[in-house]
Amino acid sequence: MQASGDGSSLFTLRVKLFEALKVLKLMCPFCRHEHADDFECLDSGRADTIRCENKDCNKRFVFLVRECLACGEESVFTWGGMPAPEALAALFCEHCGVPLNEAPQEAEGEGAAQRVQ
C-alpha cells in the first residue's frame, strides 16, 4: 500500500477493519450485561430466548435480531418477557429509522420523496 500523504488510505483501512469487526450485541434487560454474538449464530427474524451470561443475573430474556429491508443493517432488540405482536410490529431500524415491518419503497414503486409528507 502506498502512502498518499493525506491519510485517506489509512482512514479507509481503519473503516474497513471496523466494518470487519462489527459484532451484534444483546443487552440483558435485567442487569444491562452485554452479550456479543461473535459468530453470528443467533437466529434472525423471530423472537427467541437466551440466558444472561452474567453469573449474578442468569435470567432468561427475549431477543430479536431483525434485518432492515431498506438499509440491510441488523437491529437487535431485547425484552424481559415475550413482547406483544403490536410491539413487534412497531419496531424501527436502529440505523435508518425505517419501520421494520415495511418492504423497501423501491420494491413498491414508491420513492423516498413520496414517503416523506
Protein backbone atom coordinates (compact mmCIF):
# COMPACT_ATOMS: atom_id res chain seq x y z
CA MET A 1 0.00 0.00 0.00
CA GLN A 2 1.39 3.39 -0.94
CA ALA A 3 1.15 6.28 1.43
CA SER A 4 -0.82 9.10 -0.14
CA GLY A 5 0.34 11.68 2.34
CA ASP A 6 -3.19 12.87 3.15
CA GLY A 7 -4.06 9.94 5.40
CA SER A 8 -7.05 8.84 3.32
CA SER A 9 -5.64 5.34 2.72
CA LEU A 10 -5.10 4.84 6.43
CA PHE A 11 -8.64 6.10 7.13
CA THR A 12 -10.08 3.69 4.56
CA LEU A 13 -8.13 0.81 6.10
CA ARG A 14 -9.42 1.68 9.59
CA VAL A 15 -13.02 1.90 8.35
CA LYS A 16 -12.75 -1.48 6.60
CA LEU A 17 -11.20 -3.02 9.72
CA PHE A 18 -14.05 -1.59 11.84
CA GLU A 19 -16.65 -3.00 9.44
CA ALA A 20 -14.99 -6.43 9.61
CA LEU A 21 -15.10 -6.32 13.43
CA LYS A 22 -18.78 -5.34 13.73
CA VAL A 23 -20.48 -7.76 16.10
CA LEU A 24 -24.11 -7.96 17.16
CA LYS A 25 -24.56 -7.07 20.82
CA LEU A 26 -27.51 -8.03 23.00
CA MET A 27 -28.07 -6.22 26.28
CA CYS A 28 -29.76 -8.06 29.16
CA PRO A 29 -32.85 -6.01 30.10
CA PHE A 30 -32.42 -7.01 33.76
CA CYS A 31 -28.74 -6.30 34.55
CA ARG A 32 -27.62 -4.46 31.35
CA HIS A 33 -24.82 -7.03 30.77
CA GLU A 34 -23.73 -7.00 27.11
CA HIS A 35 -23.68 -10.27 25.17
CA ALA A 36 -21.65 -10.39 21.94
CA ASP A 37 -22.71 -12.66 19.07
CA ASP A 38 -19.15 -13.04 17.74
CA PHE A 39 -20.03 -15.90 15.42
CA GLU A 40 -23.40 -14.50 14.23
CA CYS A 41 -25.11 -17.72 15.26
CA LEU A 42 -28.28 -16.16 16.72
CA ASP A 43 -31.46 -16.67 14.70
CA SER A 44 -32.63 -13.64 12.80
CA GLY A 45 -36.22 -12.66 12.17
CA ARG A 46 -38.02 -14.31 15.09
CA ALA A 47 -38.14 -13.65 18.83
CA ASP A 48 -36.22 -16.21 20.90
CA THR A 49 -34.84 -16.54 24.42
CA ILE A 50 -31.33 -16.62 25.79
CA ARG A 51 -29.91 -16.82 29.30
CA CYS A 52 -27.81 -13.93 30.61
CA GLU A 53 -24.12 -14.81 30.84
CA ASN A 54 -23.69 -12.65 33.94
CA LYS A 55 -23.42 -15.17 36.81
CA ASP A 56 -25.07 -12.70 39.20
CA CYS A 57 -28.13 -12.40 36.93
CA ASN A 58 -28.50 -15.65 34.97
CA LYS A 59 -32.08 -14.71 33.94
CA ARG A 60 -33.69 -15.64 30.63
CA PHE A 61 -34.68 -12.80 28.33
CA VAL A 62 -36.18 -12.43 24.87
CA PHE A 63 -34.20 -11.10 21.92
CA LEU A 64 -34.95 -10.36 18.29
CA VAL A 65 -32.45 -9.73 15.50
CA ARG A 66 -34.13 -8.09 12.54
CA GLU A 67 -32.54 -7.18 9.19
CA CYS A 68 -33.78 -3.92 7.70
CA LEU A 69 -35.05 -4.34 4.16
CA ALA A 70 -34.28 -0.69 3.40
CA CYS A 71 -30.63 -0.40 4.51
CA GLY A 72 -29.59 -4.04 5.02
CA GLU A 73 -28.32 -3.48 8.57
CA GLU A 74 -29.37 -5.64 11.51
CA SER A 75 -31.07 -4.24 14.62
CA VAL A 76 -31.14 -6.04 17.96
CA PHE A 77 -34.00 -5.78 20.47
CA THR A 78 -34.33 -7.31 23.94
CA TRP A 79 -37.19 -7.66 26.44
CA GLY A 80 -37.70 -9.16 29.89
CA GLY A 81 -40.65 -11.21 28.56
CA MET A 82 -42.23 -12.10 25.23
CA PRO A 83 -43.35 -8.86 23.52
CA ALA A 84 -46.89 -8.44 22.24
CA PRO A 85 -47.43 -8.70 18.46
CA GLU A 86 -48.22 -4.97 18.43
CA ALA A 87 -44.81 -4.20 19.96
CA LEU A 88 -43.07 -6.33 17.34
CA ALA A 89 -45.00 -4.61 14.55
CA ALA A 90 -43.96 -1.16 15.83
CA LEU A 91 -40.17 -1.71 15.70
CA PHE A 92 -37.92 0.70 13.79
CA CYS A 93 -34.44 0.14 12.32
CA GLU A 94 -31.75 1.37 14.72
CA HIS A 95 -29.67 2.58 11.76
CA CYS A 96 -32.00 4.32 9.27
CA GLY A 97 -35.26 4.66 11.24
CA VAL A 98 -37.49 2.82 8.76
CA PRO A 99 -40.27 0.68 10.30
CA LEU A 100 -39.03 -2.92 10.18
CA ASN A 101 -42.36 -4.32 9.03
CA GLU A 102 -42.26 -2.31 5.78
CA ALA A 103 -40.95 -3.58 2.46
CA PRO A 104 -38.37 -1.42 0.71
CA GLN A 105 -40.02 1.53 -1.02
CA GLU A 106 -38.28 0.82 -4.34
CA ALA A 107 -39.91 -2.60 -4.50
CA GLU A 108 -43.30 -0.98 -4.13
CA GLY A 109 -42.57 1.62 -6.79
CA GLU A 110 -42.60 4.48 -4.29
CA GLY A 111 -39.61 6.79 -3.91
CA ALA A 112 -38.29 8.49 -0.81
CA ALA A 113 -39.83 11.79 -1.88
CA GLN A 114 -43.29 10.21 -1.89
CA ARG A 115 -42.72 8.58 1.51
CA VAL A 116 -41.90 11.86 3.30
CA GLN A 117 -45.03 14.00 3.51
